[in-house]
Amino acid sequence: MKKYCHTKNSLQIDLKLENDNFKSIELDLANQVKESINFLAAIASQQNGFPHIREYHNEFLDKYGVDREVSIQELLDENIGLGALAGYKYPQSYRKIQKNVKKNEKILNIFLDKIMEC
């Protein structure tokens, strides 16, 4: 460590397994896991949540910031807070979900159901 950085305390990192009983997985299974991880990462980066929830989150940050506690009663009051999130029935929300958001929700739910079946 001292070779790379001047420090009082050094850091030791062991990169070799001393245990000969280490078990490995088959290459086919490892490739399937790798493909699944890449696929899920691609979906996560594209979806990045539902737009109506992102919009509500941004409005919350604009109004309240990051360091303030807000009571649910204040938040859900349309006169002093943000009101309910789009799609809420209790309390009723004045906000509307865009049609493509509902379609994205359906696609995501179908995908999640398929994952759970696996």
PDB file of N, CA and C in Angstrom:
ATOM      1  N   MET A   1       0.829  -1.187   0.000  1.00  0.00           N
ATOM      2  CA  MET A   1       0.000   0.000   0.000  1.00  0.00           C
ATOM      3  C   MET A   1       0.873   1.248   0.000  1.00  0.00           C
ATOM      4  N   LYS A   2       1.934   1.219   0.763  1.00  0.00           N
ATOM      5  CA  LYS A   2       2.814   2.387   0.860  1.00  0.00           C
ATOM      6  C   LYS A   2       3.460   2.715  -0.486  1.00  0.00           C
ATOM      7  N   LYS A   3       3.540   1.707  -1.340  1.00  0.00           N
ATOM      8  CA  LYS A   3       4.098   1.917  -2.670  1.00  0.00           C
ATOM      9  C   LYS A   3       3.204   2.845  -3.500  1.00  0.00           C
ATOM     10  N   TYR A   4       1.897   2.788  -3.256  1.00  0.00           N
ATOM     11  CA  TYR A   4       0.941   3.556  -4.051  1.00  0.00           C
ATOM     12  C   TYR A   4       0.424   4.811  -3.361  1.00  0.00           C
ATOM     13  N   CYS A   5       0.467   4.826  -2.039  1.00  0.00           N
ATOM     14  CA  CYS A   5      -0.115   5.952  -1.311  1.00  0.00           C
ATOM     15  C   CYS A   5       0.601   6.118   0.026  1.00  0.00           C
ATOM     16  N   HIS A   6       0.935   7.342   0.379  1.00  0.00           N
ATOM     17  CA  HIS A   6       1.575   7.597   1.653  1.00  0.00           C
ATOM     18  C   HIS A   6       0.511   7.631   2.747  1.00  0.00           C
ATOM     19  N   THR A   7       0.634   6.724   3.711  1.00  0.00           N
ATOM     20  CA  THR A   7      -0.361   6.629   4.782  1.00  0.00           C
ATOM     21  C   THR A   7       0.276   6.055   6.022  1.00  0.00           C
ATOM     22  N   LYS A   8      -0.303   6.379   7.177  1.00  0.00           N
ATOM     23  CA  LYS A   8       0.172   5.815   8.437  1.00  0.00           C
ATOM     24  C   LYS A   8      -0.186   4.342   8.541  1.00  0.00           C
ATOM     25  N   ASN A   9      -1.420   4.033   8.163  1.00  0.00           N
ATOM     26  CA  ASN A   9      -1.930   2.671   8.283  1.00  0.00           C
ATOM     27  C   ASN A   9      -1.952   2.004   6.915  1.00  0.00           C
ATOM     28  N   SER A  10      -1.397   0.816   6.859  1.00  0.00           N
ATOM     29  CA  SER A  10      -1.410   0.114   5.585  1.00  0.00           C
ATOM     30  C   SER A  10      -2.622  -0.802   5.507  1.00  0.00           C
ATOM     31  N   LEU A  11      -2.921  -1.239   4.304  1.00  0.00           N
ATOM     32  CA  LEU A  11      -4.076  -2.071   4.038  1.00  0.00           C
ATOM     33  C   LEU A  11      -3.611  -3.331   3.350  1.00  0.00           C
ATOM     34  N   GLN A  12      -4.048  -4.480   3.866  1.00  0.00           N
ATOM     35  CA  GLN A  12      -3.686  -5.751   3.254  1.00  0.00           C
ATOM     36  C   GLN A  12      -4.917  -6.321   2.569  1.00  0.00           C
ATOM     37  N   ILE A  13      -4.749  -6.730   1.329  1.00  0.00           N
ATOM     38  CA  ILE A  13      -5.840  -7.334   0.578  1.00  0.00           C
ATOM     39  C   ILE A  13      -5.374  -8.695   0.087  1.00  0.00           C
ATOM     40  N   ASP A  14      -6.089  -9.738   0.504  1.00  0.00           N
ATOM     41  CA  ASP A  14      -5.762 -11.092   0.068  1.00  0.00           C
ATOM     42  C   ASP A  14      -6.613 -11.436  -1.144  1.00  0.00           C
ATOM     43  N   LEU A  15      -5.963 -11.782  -2.241  1.00  0.00           N
ATOM     44  CA  LEU A  15      -6.689 -12.081  -3.465  1.00  0.00           C
ATOM     45  C   LEU A  15      -6.697 -13.569  -3.797  1.00  0.00           C
ATOM     46  N   LYS A  16      -6.041 -14.379  -3.000  1.00  0.00           N
ATOM     47  CA  LYS A  16      -5.977 -15.803  -3.273  1.00  0.00           C
ATOM     48  C   LYS A  16      -6.767 -16.556  -2.218  1.00  0.00           C
ATOM     49  N   LEU A  17      -7.540 -17.515  -2.675  1.00  0.00           N
ATOM     50  CA  LEU A  17      -8.264 -18.377  -1.747  1.00  0.00           C
ATOM     51  C   LEU A  17      -7.346 -19.506  -1.308  1.00  0.00           C
ATOM     52  N   GLU A  18      -7.252 -19.703  -0.026  1.00  0.00           N
ATOM     53  CA  GLU A  18      -6.385 -20.750   0.496  1.00  0.00           C
ATOM     54  C   GLU A  18      -7.106 -22.089   0.572  1.00  0.00           C
ATOM     55  N   ASN A  19      -8.411 -22.071   0.462  1.00  0.00           N
ATOM     56  CA  ASN A  19      -9.206 -23.277   0.612  1.00  0.00           C
ATOM     57  C   ASN A  19      -9.241 -24.059  -0.701  1.00  0.00           C
ATOM     58  N   ASP A  20      -8.758 -25.282  -0.692  1.00  0.00           N
ATOM     59  CA  ASP A  20      -8.775 -26.117  -1.895  1.00  0.00           C
ATOM     60  C   ASP A  20     -10.163 -26.683  -2.173  1.00  0.00           C
ATOM     61  N   ASN A  21     -11.061 -26.555  -1.229  1.00  0.00           N
ATOM     62  CA  ASN A  21     -12.412 -27.079  -1.397  1.00  0.00           C
ATOM     63  C   ASN A  21     -13.332 -26.082  -2.094  1.00  0.00           C
ATOM     64  N   PHE A  22     -12.778 -25.035  -2.638  1.00  0.00           N
ATOM     65  CA  PHE A  22     -13.574 -24.016  -3.318  1.00  0.00           C
ATOM     66  C   PHE A  22     -14.318 -24.648  -4.480  1.00  0.00           C
ATOM     67  N   LYS A  23     -15.623 -24.421  -4.538  1.00  0.00           N
ATOM     68  CA  LYS A  23     -16.436 -25.004  -5.601  1.00  0.00           C
ATOM     69  C   LYS A  23     -16.723 -23.943  -6.648  1.00  0.00           C
ATOM     70  N   SER A  24     -16.683 -24.350  -7.883  1.00  0.00           N
ATOM     71  CA  SER A  24     -16.986 -23.417  -8.961  1.00  0.00           C
ATOM     72  C   SER A  24     -18.265 -23.875  -9.667  1.00  0.00           C
ATOM     73  N   ILE A  25     -18.876 -22.948 -10.361  1.00  0.00           N
ATOM     74  CA  ILE A  25     -20.083 -23.298 -11.105  1.00  0.00           C
ATOM     75  C   ILE A  25     -19.704 -23.570 -12.552  1.00  0.00           C
ATOM     76  N   GLU A  26     -20.558 -24.291 -13.232  1.00  0.00           N
ATOM     77  CA  GLU A  26     -20.283 -24.616 -14.627  1.00  0.00           C
ATOM     78  C   GLU A  26     -20.286 -23.354 -15.467  1.00  0.00           C
ATOM     79  N   LEU A  27     -19.510 -23.388 -16.525  1.00  0.00           N
ATOM     80  CA  LEU A  27     -19.369 -22.232 -17.400  1.00  0.00           C
ATOM     81  C   LEU A  27     -20.704 -21.826 -18.016  1.00  0.00           C
ATOM     82  N   ASP A  28     -21.541 -22.790 -18.404  1.00  0.00           N
ATOM     83  CA  ASP A  28     -22.850 -22.476 -18.982  1.00  0.00           C
ATOM     84  C   ASP A  28     -23.712 -21.702 -17.994  1.00  0.00           C
ATOM     85  N   LEU A  29     -23.735 -22.154 -16.761  1.00  0.00           N
ATOM     86  CA  LEU A  29     -24.523 -21.475 -15.732  1.00  0.00           C
ATOM     87  C   LEU A  29     -23.973 -20.072 -15.473  1.00  0.00           C
ATOM     88  N   ALA A  30     -22.662 -19.947 -15.429  1.00  0.00           N
ATOM     89  CA  ALA A  30     -22.045 -18.641 -15.219  1.00  0.00           C
ATOM     90  C   ALA A  30     -22.421 -17.679 -16.344  1.00  0.00           C
ATOM     91  N   ASN A  31     -22.424 -18.177 -17.578  1.00  0.00           N
ATOM     92  CA  ASN A  31     -22.810 -17.333 -18.716  1.00  0.00           C
ATOM     93  C   ASN A  31     -24.278 -16.932 -18.647  1.00  0.00           C
ATOM     94  N   GLN A  32     -25.148 -17.843 -18.212  1.00  0.00           N
ATOM     95  CA  GLN A  32     -26.564 -17.518 -18.076  1.00  0.00           C
ATOM     96  C   GLN A  32     -26.777 -16.439 -17.008  1.00  0.00           C
ATOM     97  N   VAL A  33     -26.056 -16.573 -15.912  1.00  0.00           N
ATOM     98  CA  VAL A  33     -26.151 -15.567 -14.851  1.00  0.00           C
ATOM     99  C   VAL A  33     -25.660 -14.221 -15.368  1.00  0.00           C
ATOM    100  N   LYS A  34     -24.562 -14.222 -16.076  1.00  0.00           N
ATOM    101  CA  LYS A  34     -24.005 -12.986 -16.638  1.00  0.00           C
ATOM    102  C   LYS A  34     -24.991 -12.331 -17.602  1.00  0.00           C
ATOM    103  N   GLU A  35     -25.611 -13.121 -18.480  1.00  0.00           N
ATOM    104  CA  GLU A  35     -26.596 -12.586 -19.423  1.00  0.00           C
ATOM    105  C   GLU A  35     -27.800 -12.010 -18.685  1.00  0.00           C
ATOM    106  N   SER A  36     -28.244 -12.695 -17.648  1.00  0.00           N
ATOM    107  CA  SER A  36     -29.392 -12.214 -16.868  1.00  0.00           C
ATOM    108  C   SER A  36     -29.077 -10.893 -16.184  1.00  0.00           C
ATOM    109  N   ILE A  37     -27.903 -10.791 -15.625  1.00  0.00           N
ATOM    110  CA  ILE A  37     -27.492  -9.551 -14.955  1.00  0.00           C
ATOM    111  C   ILE A  37     -27.420  -8.411 -15.962  1.00  0.00           C
ATOM    112  N   ASN A  38     -26.841  -8.668 -17.124  1.00  0.00           N
ATOM    113  CA  ASN A  38     -26.757  -7.627 -18.153  1.00  0.00           C
ATOM    114  C   ASN A  38     -28.144  -7.187 -18.609  1.00  0.00           C
ATOM    115  N   PHE A  39     -29.055  -8.153 -18.765  1.00  0.00           N
ATOM    116  CA  PHE A  39     -30.411  -7.844 -19.184  1.00  0.00           C
ATOM    117  C   PHE A  39     -31.121  -6.989 -18.138  1.00  0.00           C
ATOM    118  N   LEU A  40     -31.029  -7.384 -16.872  1.00  0.00           N
ATOM    119  CA  LEU A  40     -31.686  -6.624 -15.800  1.00  0.00           C
ATOM    120  C   LEU A  40     -31.084  -5.229 -15.657  1.00  0.00           C
ATOM    121  N   ALA A  41     -29.783  -5.119 -15.840  1.00  0.00           N
ATOM    122  CA  ALA A  41     -29.141  -3.809 -15.756  1.00  0.00           C
ATOM    123  C   ALA A  41     -29.618  -2.910 -16.890  1.00  0.00           C
ATOM    124  N   ALA A  42     -29.787  -3.479 -18.073  1.00  0.00           N
ATOM    125  CA  ALA A  42     -30.263  -2.694 -19.215  1.00  0.00           C
ATOM    126  C   ALA A  42     -31.683  -2.208 -18.983  1.00  0.00           C
ATOM    127  N   ILE A  43     -32.529  -3.068 -18.434  1.00  0.00           N
ATOM    128  CA  ILE A  43     -33.912  -2.669 -18.157  1.00  0.00           C
ATOM    129  C   ILE A  43     -33.943  -1.590 -17.078  1.00  0.00           C
ATOM    130  N   ALA A  44     -33.172  -1.778 -16.053  1.00  0.00           N
ATOM    131  CA  ALA A  44     -33.165  -0.817 -14.942  1.00  0.00           C
ATOM    132  C   ALA A  44     -32.719   0.555 -15.418  1.00  0.00           C
ATOM    133  N   SER A  45     -31.727   0.607 -16.289  1.00  0.00           N
ATOM    134  CA  SER A  45     -31.236   1.902 -16.738  1.00  0.00           C
ATOM    135  C   SER A  45     -32.229   2.579 -17.668  1.00  0.00           C
ATOM    136  N   GLN A  46     -33.003   1.796 -18.429  1.00  0.00           N
ATOM    137  CA  GLN A  46     -33.991   2.384 -19.335  1.00  0.00           C
ATOM    138  C   GLN A  46     -35.241   2.807 -18.587  1.00  0.00           C
ATOM    139  N   GLN A  47     -35.722   1.967 -17.691  1.00  0.00           N
ATOM    140  CA  GLN A  47     -36.981   2.241 -17.001  1.00  0.00           C
ATOM    141  C   GLN A  47     -36.805   3.360 -15.987  1.00  0.00           C
ATOM    142  N   ASN A  48     -35.839   3.185 -15.091  1.00  0.00           N
ATOM    143  CA  ASN A  48     -35.522   4.188 -14.073  1.00  0.00           C
ATOM    144  C   ASN A  48     -36.762   4.702 -13.342  1.00  0.00           C
ATOM    145  N   GLY A  49     -37.681   3.810 -13.042  1.00  0.00           N
ATOM    146  CA  GLY A  49     -38.867   4.188 -12.292  1.00  0.00           C
ATOM    147  C   GLY A  49     -39.987   4.674 -13.187  1.00  0.00           C
ATOM    148  N   PHE A  50     -41.112   4.957 -12.570  1.00  0.00           N
ATOM    149  CA  PHE A  50     -42.275   5.439 -13.302  1.00  0.00           C
ATOM    150  C   PHE A  50     -42.240   6.958 -13.363  1.00  0.00           C
ATOM    151  N   PRO A  51     -42.515   7.523 -14.532  1.00  0.00           N
ATOM    152  CA  PRO A  51     -42.426   8.977 -14.698  1.00  0.00           C
ATOM    153  C   PRO A  51     -43.280   9.766 -13.710  1.00  0.00           C
ATOM    154  N   HIS A  52     -44.499   9.293 -13.391  1.00  0.00           N
ATOM    155  CA  HIS A  52     -45.347  10.049 -12.474  1.00  0.00           C
ATOM    156  C   HIS A  52     -44.790  10.039 -11.051  1.00  0.00           C
ATOM    157  N   ILE A  53     -44.077   8.969 -10.697  1.00  0.00           N
ATOM    158  CA  ILE A  53     -43.449   8.926  -9.364  1.00  0.00           C
ATOM    159  C   ILE A  53     -42.210   9.808  -9.351  1.00  0.00           C
ATOM    160  N   ARG A  54     -41.429   9.780 -10.430  1.00  0.00           N
ATOM    161  CA  ARG A  54     -40.264  10.675 -10.533  1.00  0.00           C
ATOM    162  C   ARG A  54     -40.692  12.134 -10.459  1.00  0.00           C
ATOM    163  N   GLU A  55     -41.774  12.476 -11.175  1.00  0.00           N
ATOM    164  CA  GLU A  55     -42.273  13.850 -11.175  1.00  0.00           C
ATOM    165  C   GLU A  55     -42.695  14.278  -9.769  1.00  0.00           C
ATOM    166  N   TYR A  56     -43.407  13.397  -9.070  1.00  0.00           N
ATOM    167  CA  TYR A  56     -43.844  13.684  -7.704  1.00  0.00           C
ATOM    168  C   TYR A  56     -42.635  13.858  -6.785  1.00  0.00           C
ATOM    169  N   HIS A  57     -41.656  12.994  -6.949  1.00  0.00           N
ATOM    170  CA  HIS A  57     -40.429  13.077  -6.154  1.00  0.00           C
ATOM    171  C   HIS A  57     -39.720  14.409  -6.366  1.00  0.00           C
ATOM    172  N   ASN A  58     -39.603  14.822  -7.629  1.00  0.00           N
ATOM    173  CA  ASN A  58     -38.956  16.104  -7.937  1.00  0.00           C
ATOM    174  C   ASN A  58     -39.734  17.279  -7.346  1.00  0.00           C
ATOM    175  N   GLU A  59     -41.062  17.223  -7.437  1.00  0.00           N
ATOM    176  CA  GLU A  59     -41.880  18.280  -6.834  1.00  0.00           C
ATOM    177  C   GLU A  59     -41.694  18.318  -5.316  1.00  0.00           C
ATOM    178  N   PHE A  60     -41.598  17.140  -4.708  1.00  0.00           N
ATOM    179  CA  PHE A  60     -41.369  17.064  -3.261  1.00  0.00           C
ATOM    180  C   PHE A  60     -40.047  17.737  -2.908  1.00  0.00           C
ATOM    181  N   LEU A  61     -38.989  17.401  -3.645  1.00  0.00           N
ATOM    182  CA  LEU A  61     -37.681  17.994  -3.362  1.00  0.00           C
ATOM    183  C   LEU A  61     -37.695  19.502  -3.571  1.00  0.00           C
ATOM    184  N   ASP A  62     -38.391  19.968  -4.608  1.00  0.00           N
ATOM    185  CA  ASP A  62     -38.483  21.409  -4.854  1.00  0.00           C
ATOM    186  C   ASP A  62     -39.184  22.125  -3.709  1.00  0.00           C
ATOM    187  N   LYS A  63     -40.244  21.523  -3.202  1.00  0.00           N
ATOM    188  CA  LYS A  63     -41.042  22.165  -2.161  1.00  0.00           C
ATOM    189  C   LYS A  63     -40.409  22.040  -0.773  1.00  0.00           C
ATOM    190  N   TYR A  64     -39.917  20.847  -0.448  1.00  0.00           N
ATOM    191  CA  TYR A  64     -39.473  20.575   0.921  1.00  0.00           C
ATOM    192  C   TYR A  64     -37.964  20.413   1.085  1.00  0.00           C
ATOM    193  N   GLY A  65     -37.251  20.151   0.024  1.00  0.00           N
ATOM    194  CA  GLY A  65     -35.815  19.905   0.149  1.00  0.00           C
ATOM    195  C   GLY A  65     -35.544  18.490   0.628  1.00  0.00           C
ATOM    196  N   VAL A  66     -34.311  18.243   1.056  1.00  0.00           N
ATOM    197  CA  VAL A  66     -33.916  16.892   1.450  1.00  0.00           C
ATOM    198  C   VAL A  66     -33.803  16.695   2.958  1.00  0.00           C
ATOM    199  N   ASP A  67     -33.783  17.767   3.726  1.00  0.00           N
ATOM    200  CA  ASP A  67     -33.525  17.650   5.162  1.00  0.00           C
ATOM    201  C   ASP A  67     -34.726  17.976   6.037  1.00  0.00           C
ATOM    202  N   ARG A  68     -35.909  17.933   5.486  1.00  0.00           N
ATOM    203  CA  ARG A  68     -37.089  18.316   6.255  1.00  0.00           C
ATOM    204  C   ARG A  68     -38.053  17.141   6.394  1.00  0.00           C
ATOM    205  N   GLU A  69     -38.525  16.931   7.619  1.00  0.00           N
ATOM    206  CA  GLU A  69     -39.565  15.938   7.842  1.00  0.00           C
ATOM    207  C   GLU A  69     -40.906  16.577   7.526  1.00  0.00           C
ATOM    208  N   VAL A  70     -41.759  15.825   6.827  1.00  0.00           N
ATOM    209  CA  VAL A  70     -43.069  16.334   6.425  1.00  0.00           C
ATOM    210  C   VAL A  70     -44.115  15.323   6.866  1.00  0.00           C
ATOM    211  N   SER A  71     -45.154  15.807   7.539  1.00  0.00           N
ATOM    212  CA  SER A  71     -46.206  14.891   7.969  1.00  0.00           C
ATOM    213  C   SER A  71     -47.015  14.455   6.756  1.00  0.00           C
ATOM    214  N   ILE A  72     -47.537  13.256   6.812  1.00  0.00           N
ATOM    215  CA  ILE A  72     -48.375  12.737   5.734  1.00  0.00           C
ATOM    216  C   ILE A  72     -49.600  13.628   5.552  1.00  0.00           C
ATOM    217  N   GLN A  73     -50.145  14.109   6.659  1.00  0.00           N
ATOM    218  CA  GLN A  73     -51.330  14.966   6.594  1.00  0.00           C
ATOM    219  C   GLN A  73     -51.039  16.230   5.779  1.00  0.00           C
ATOM    220  N   GLU A  74     -49.896  16.852   6.029  1.00  0.00           N
ATOM    221  CA  GLU A  74     -49.527  18.041   5.260  1.00  0.00           C
ATOM    222  C   GLU A  74     -49.269  17.690   3.802  1.00  0.00           C
ATOM    223  N   LEU A  75     -48.501  16.628   3.561  1.00  0.00           N
ATOM    224  CA  LEU A  75     -48.142  16.243   2.204  1.00  0.00           C
ATOM    225  C   LEU A  75     -49.372  15.970   1.345  1.00  0.00           C
ATOM    226  N   LEU A  76     -50.357  15.249   1.896  1.00  0.00           N
ATOM    227  CA  LEU A  76     -51.528  14.859   1.119  1.00  0.00           C
ATOM    228  C   LEU A  76     -52.577  15.956   1.000  1.00  0.00           C
ATOM    229  N   ASP A  77     -52.429  17.026   1.765  1.00  0.00           N
ATOM    230  CA  ASP A  77     -53.367  18.153   1.670  1.00  0.00           C
ATOM    231  C   ASP A  77     -53.036  18.964   0.414  1.00  0.00           C
ATOM    232  N   GLU A  78     -54.005  19.048  -0.510  1.00  0.00           N
ATOM    233  CA  GLU A  78     -53.755  19.743  -1.780  1.00  0.00           C
ATOM    234  C   GLU A  78     -53.556  21.240  -1.606  1.00  0.00           C
ATOM    235  N   ASN A  79     -54.063  21.814  -0.509  1.00  0.00           N
ATOM    236  CA  ASN A  79     -53.948  23.256  -0.295  1.00  0.00           C
ATOM    237  C   ASN A  79     -52.581  23.676   0.232  1.00  0.00           C
ATOM    238  N   ILE A  80     -51.972  22.841   1.063  1.00  0.00           N
ATOM    239  CA  ILE A  80     -50.672  23.218   1.636  1.00  0.00           C
ATOM    240  C   ILE A  80     -49.540  22.290   1.201  1.00  0.00           C
ATOM    241  N   GLY A  81     -49.883  21.081   0.788  1.00  0.00           N
ATOM    242  CA  GLY A  81     -48.867  20.117   0.377  1.00  0.00           C
ATOM    243  C   GLY A  81     -48.941  19.839  -1.115  1.00  0.00           C
ATOM    244  N   LEU A  82     -48.573  18.635  -1.485  1.00  0.00           N
ATOM    245  CA  LEU A  82     -48.573  18.255  -2.892  1.00  0.00           C
ATOM    246  C   LEU A  82     -49.845  17.527  -3.307  1.00  0.00           C
ATOM    247  N   GLY A  83     -50.613  17.069  -2.351  1.00  0.00           N
ATOM    248  CA  GLY A  83     -51.754  16.222  -2.684  1.00  0.00           C
ATOM    249  C   GLY A  83     -51.269  14.799  -2.883  1.00  0.00           C
ATOM    250  N   ALA A  84     -52.216  13.921  -3.186  1.00  0.00           N
ATOM    251  CA  ALA A  84     -51.877  12.507  -3.353  1.00  0.00           C
ATOM    252  C   ALA A  84     -51.194  12.270  -4.697  1.00  0.00           C
ATOM    253  N   LEU A  85     -50.456  11.198  -4.753  1.00  0.00           N
ATOM    254  CA  LEU A  85     -49.762  10.780  -5.959  1.00  0.00           C
ATOM    255  C   LEU A  85     -50.787  10.367  -7.017  1.00  0.00           C
ATOM    256  N   ALA A  86     -50.471  10.585  -8.277  1.00  0.00           N
ATOM    257  CA  ALA A  86     -51.370  10.219  -9.379  1.00  0.00           C
ATOM    258  C   ALA A  86     -51.778   8.754  -9.260  1.00  0.00           C
ATOM    259  N   GLY A  87     -53.069   8.501  -9.435  1.00  0.00           N
ATOM    260  CA  GLY A  87     -53.572   7.135  -9.362  1.00  0.00           C
ATOM    261  C   GLY A  87     -54.144   6.765  -8.011  1.00  0.00           C
ATOM    262  N   TYR A  88     -53.891   7.554  -6.971  1.00  0.00           N
ATOM    263  CA  TYR A  88     -54.431   7.252  -5.642  1.00  0.00           C
ATOM    264  C   TYR A  88     -55.935   7.472  -5.628  1.00  0.00           C
ATOM    265  N   LYS A  89     -56.643   6.568  -4.964  1.00  0.00           N
ATOM    266  CA  LYS A  89     -58.094   6.705  -4.820  1.00  0.00           C
ATOM    267  C   LYS A  89     -58.471   7.170  -3.420  1.00  0.00           C
ATOM    268  N   TYR A  90     -57.645   6.836  -2.427  1.00  0.00           N
ATOM    269  CA  TYR A  90     -57.916   7.213  -1.038  1.00  0.00           C
ATOM    270  C   TYR A  90     -56.638   7.776  -0.422  1.00  0.00           C
ATOM    271  N   PRO A  91     -56.449   9.063  -0.371  1.00  0.00           N
ATOM    272  CA  PRO A  91     -57.335  10.123  -0.839  1.00  0.00           C
ATOM    273  C   PRO A  91     -57.290  10.249  -2.357  1.00  0.00           C
ATOM    274  N   GLN A  92     -58.370  10.733  -2.909  1.00  0.00           N
ATOM    275  CA  GLN A  92     -58.487  10.910  -4.354  1.00  0.00           C
ATOM    276  C   GLN A  92     -57.442  11.903  -4.836  1.00  0.00           C
ATOM    277  N   SER A  93     -56.763  11.574  -5.923  1.00  0.00           N
ATOM    278  CA  SER A  93     -55.739  12.457  -6.477  1.00  0.00           C
ATOM    279  C   SER A  93     -56.296  13.242  -7.645  1.00  0.00           C
ATOM    280  N   TYR A  94     -55.927  14.514  -7.728  1.00  0.00           N
ATOM    281  CA  TYR A  94     -56.299  15.335  -8.877  1.00  0.00           C
ATOM    282  C   TYR A  94     -55.324  15.126 -10.032  1.00  0.00           C
ATOM    283  N   ARG A  95     -54.199  14.494  -9.740  1.00  0.00           N
ATOM    284  CA  ARG A  95     -53.167  14.263 -10.749  1.00  0.00           C
ATOM    285  C   ARG A  95     -53.591  13.121 -11.670  1.00  0.00           C
ATOM    286  N   LYS A  96     -53.150  13.163 -12.889  1.00  0.00           N
ATOM    287  CA  LYS A  96     -53.485  12.133 -13.875  1.00  0.00           C
ATOM    288  C   LYS A  96     -52.228  11.386 -14.301  1.00  0.00           C
ATOM    289  N   ILE A  97     -52.385  10.076 -14.494  1.00  0.00           N
ATOM    290  CA  ILE A  97     -51.293   9.267 -15.023  1.00  0.00           C
ATOM    291  C   ILE A  97     -51.407   9.286 -16.537  1.00  0.00           C
ATOM    292  N   GLN A  98     -50.296   9.535 -17.190  1.00  0.00           N
ATOM    293  CA  GLN A  98     -50.296   9.520 -18.651  1.00  0.00           C
ATOM    294  C   GLN A  98     -50.519   8.090 -19.130  1.00  0.00           C
ATOM    295  N   LYS A  99     -51.143   7.932 -20.302  1.00  0.00           N
ATOM    296  CA  LYS A  99     -51.475   6.607 -20.821  1.00  0.00           C
ATOM    297  C   LYS A  99     -50.255   5.725 -20.987  1.00  0.00           C
ATOM    298  N   ASN A 100     -49.152   6.284 -21.483  1.00  0.00           N
ATOM    299  CA  ASN A 100     -47.963   5.457 -21.698  1.00  0.00           C
ATOM    300  C   ASN A 100     -47.372   4.960 -20.379  1.00  0.00           C
ATOM    301  N   VAL A 101     -47.632   5.671 -19.282  1.00  0.00           N
ATOM    302  CA  VAL A 101     -47.148   5.227 -17.972  1.00  0.00           C
ATOM    303  C   VAL A 101     -47.878   3.955 -17.567  1.00  0.00           C
ATOM    304  N   LYS A 102     -49.196   3.911 -17.786  1.00  0.00           N
ATOM    305  CA  LYS A 102     -49.952   2.708 -17.449  1.00  0.00           C
ATOM    306  C   LYS A 102     -49.474   1.532 -18.288  1.00  0.00           C
ATOM    307  N   LYS A 103     -49.169   1.781 -19.559  1.00  0.00           N
ATOM    308  CA  LYS A 103     -48.668   0.719 -20.428  1.00  0.00           C
ATOM    309  C   LYS A 103     -47.322   0.213 -19.905  1.00  0.00           C
ATOM    310  N   ASN A 104     -46.438   1.130 -19.507  1.00  0.00           N
ATOM    311  CA  ASN A 104     -45.142   0.738 -18.957  1.00  0.00           C
ATOM    312  C   ASN A 104     -45.317  -0.077 -17.685  1.00  0.00           C
ATOM    313  N   GLU A 105     -46.286   0.307 -16.845  1.00  0.00           N
ATOM    314  CA  GLU A 105     -46.554  -0.447 -15.612  1.00  0.00           C
ATOM    315  C   GLU A 105     -46.981  -1.868 -15.939  1.00  0.00           C
ATOM    316  N   LYS A 106     -47.863  -2.026 -16.926  1.00  0.00           N
ATOM    317  CA  LYS A 106     -48.326  -3.358 -17.314  1.00  0.00           C
ATOM    318  C   LYS A 106     -47.172  -4.213 -17.813  1.00  0.00           C
ATOM    319  N   ILE A 107     -46.330  -3.633 -18.654  1.00  0.00           N
ATOM    320  CA  ILE A 107     -45.182  -4.373 -19.187  1.00  0.00           C
ATOM    321  C   ILE A 107     -44.244  -4.780 -18.057  1.00  0.00           C
ATOM    322  N   LEU A 108     -43.967  -3.851 -17.160  1.00  0.00           N
ATOM    323  CA  LEU A 108     -43.078  -4.156 -16.037  1.00  0.00           C
ATOM    324  C   LEU A 108     -43.673  -5.234 -15.146  1.00  0.00           C
ATOM    325  N   ASN A 109     -44.973  -5.156 -14.872  1.00  0.00           N
ATOM    326  CA  ASN A 109     -45.616  -6.163 -14.023  1.00  0.00           C
ATOM    327  C   ASN A 109     -45.586  -7.542 -14.669  1.00  0.00           C
ATOM    328  N   ILE A 110     -45.798  -7.614 -15.987  1.00  0.00           N
ATOM    329  CA  ILE A 110     -45.708  -8.898 -16.693  1.00  0.00           C
ATOM    330  C   ILE A 110     -44.287  -9.445 -16.575  1.00  0.00           C
ATOM    331  N   PHE A 111     -43.318  -8.580 -16.788  1.00  0.00           N
ATOM    332  CA  PHE A 111     -41.915  -8.993 -16.690  1.00  0.00           C
ATOM    333  C   PHE A 111     -41.587  -9.501 -15.286  1.00  0.00           C
ATOM    334  N   LEU A 112     -42.018  -8.760 -14.266  1.00  0.00           N
ATOM    335  CA  LEU A 112     -41.745  -9.166 -12.886  1.00  0.00           C
ATOM    336  C   LEU A 112     -42.420 -10.503 -12.548  1.00  0.00           C
ATOM    337  N   ASP A 113     -43.636 -10.717 -13.064  1.00  0.00           N
ATOM    338  CA  ASP A 113     -44.326 -11.991 -12.861  1.00  0.00           C
ATOM    339  C   ASP A 113     -43.515 -13.137 -13.459  1.00  0.00           C
ATOM    340  N   LYS A 114     -42.967 -12.925 -14.654  1.00  0.00           N
ATOM    341  CA  LYS A 114     -42.164 -13.954 -15.320  1.00  0.00           C
ATOM    342  C   LYS A 114     -40.896 -14.250 -14.519  1.00  0.00           C
ATOM    343  N   ILE A 115     -40.301 -13.223 -13.962  1.00  0.00           N
ATOM    344  CA  ILE A 115     -39.103 -13.433 -13.136  1.00  0.00           C
ATOM    345  C   ILE A 115     -39.446 -14.283 -11.923  1.00  0.00           C
ATOM    346  N   MET A 116     -40.580 -13.983 -11.287  1.00  0.00           N
ATOM    347  CA  MET A 116     -40.974 -14.722 -10.095  1.00  0.00           C
ATOM    348  C   MET A 116     -41.282 -16.186 -10.418  1.00  0.00           C
ATOM    349  N   GLU A 117     -41.774 -16.463 -11.633  1.00  0.00           N
ATOM    350  CA  GLU A 117     -42.035 -17.838 -12.033  1.00  0.00           C
ATOM    351  C   GLU A 117     -40.750 -18.636 -12.146  1.00  0.00           C
ATOM    352  N   CYS A 118     -39.664 -17.957 -12.519  1.00  0.00           N
ATOM    353  CA  CYS A 118     -38.377 -18.650 -12.656  1.00  0.00           C
ATOM    354  C   CYS A 118     -37.911 -19.092 -11.294  1.00  0.00           C
TER     355      CYS A 118
END
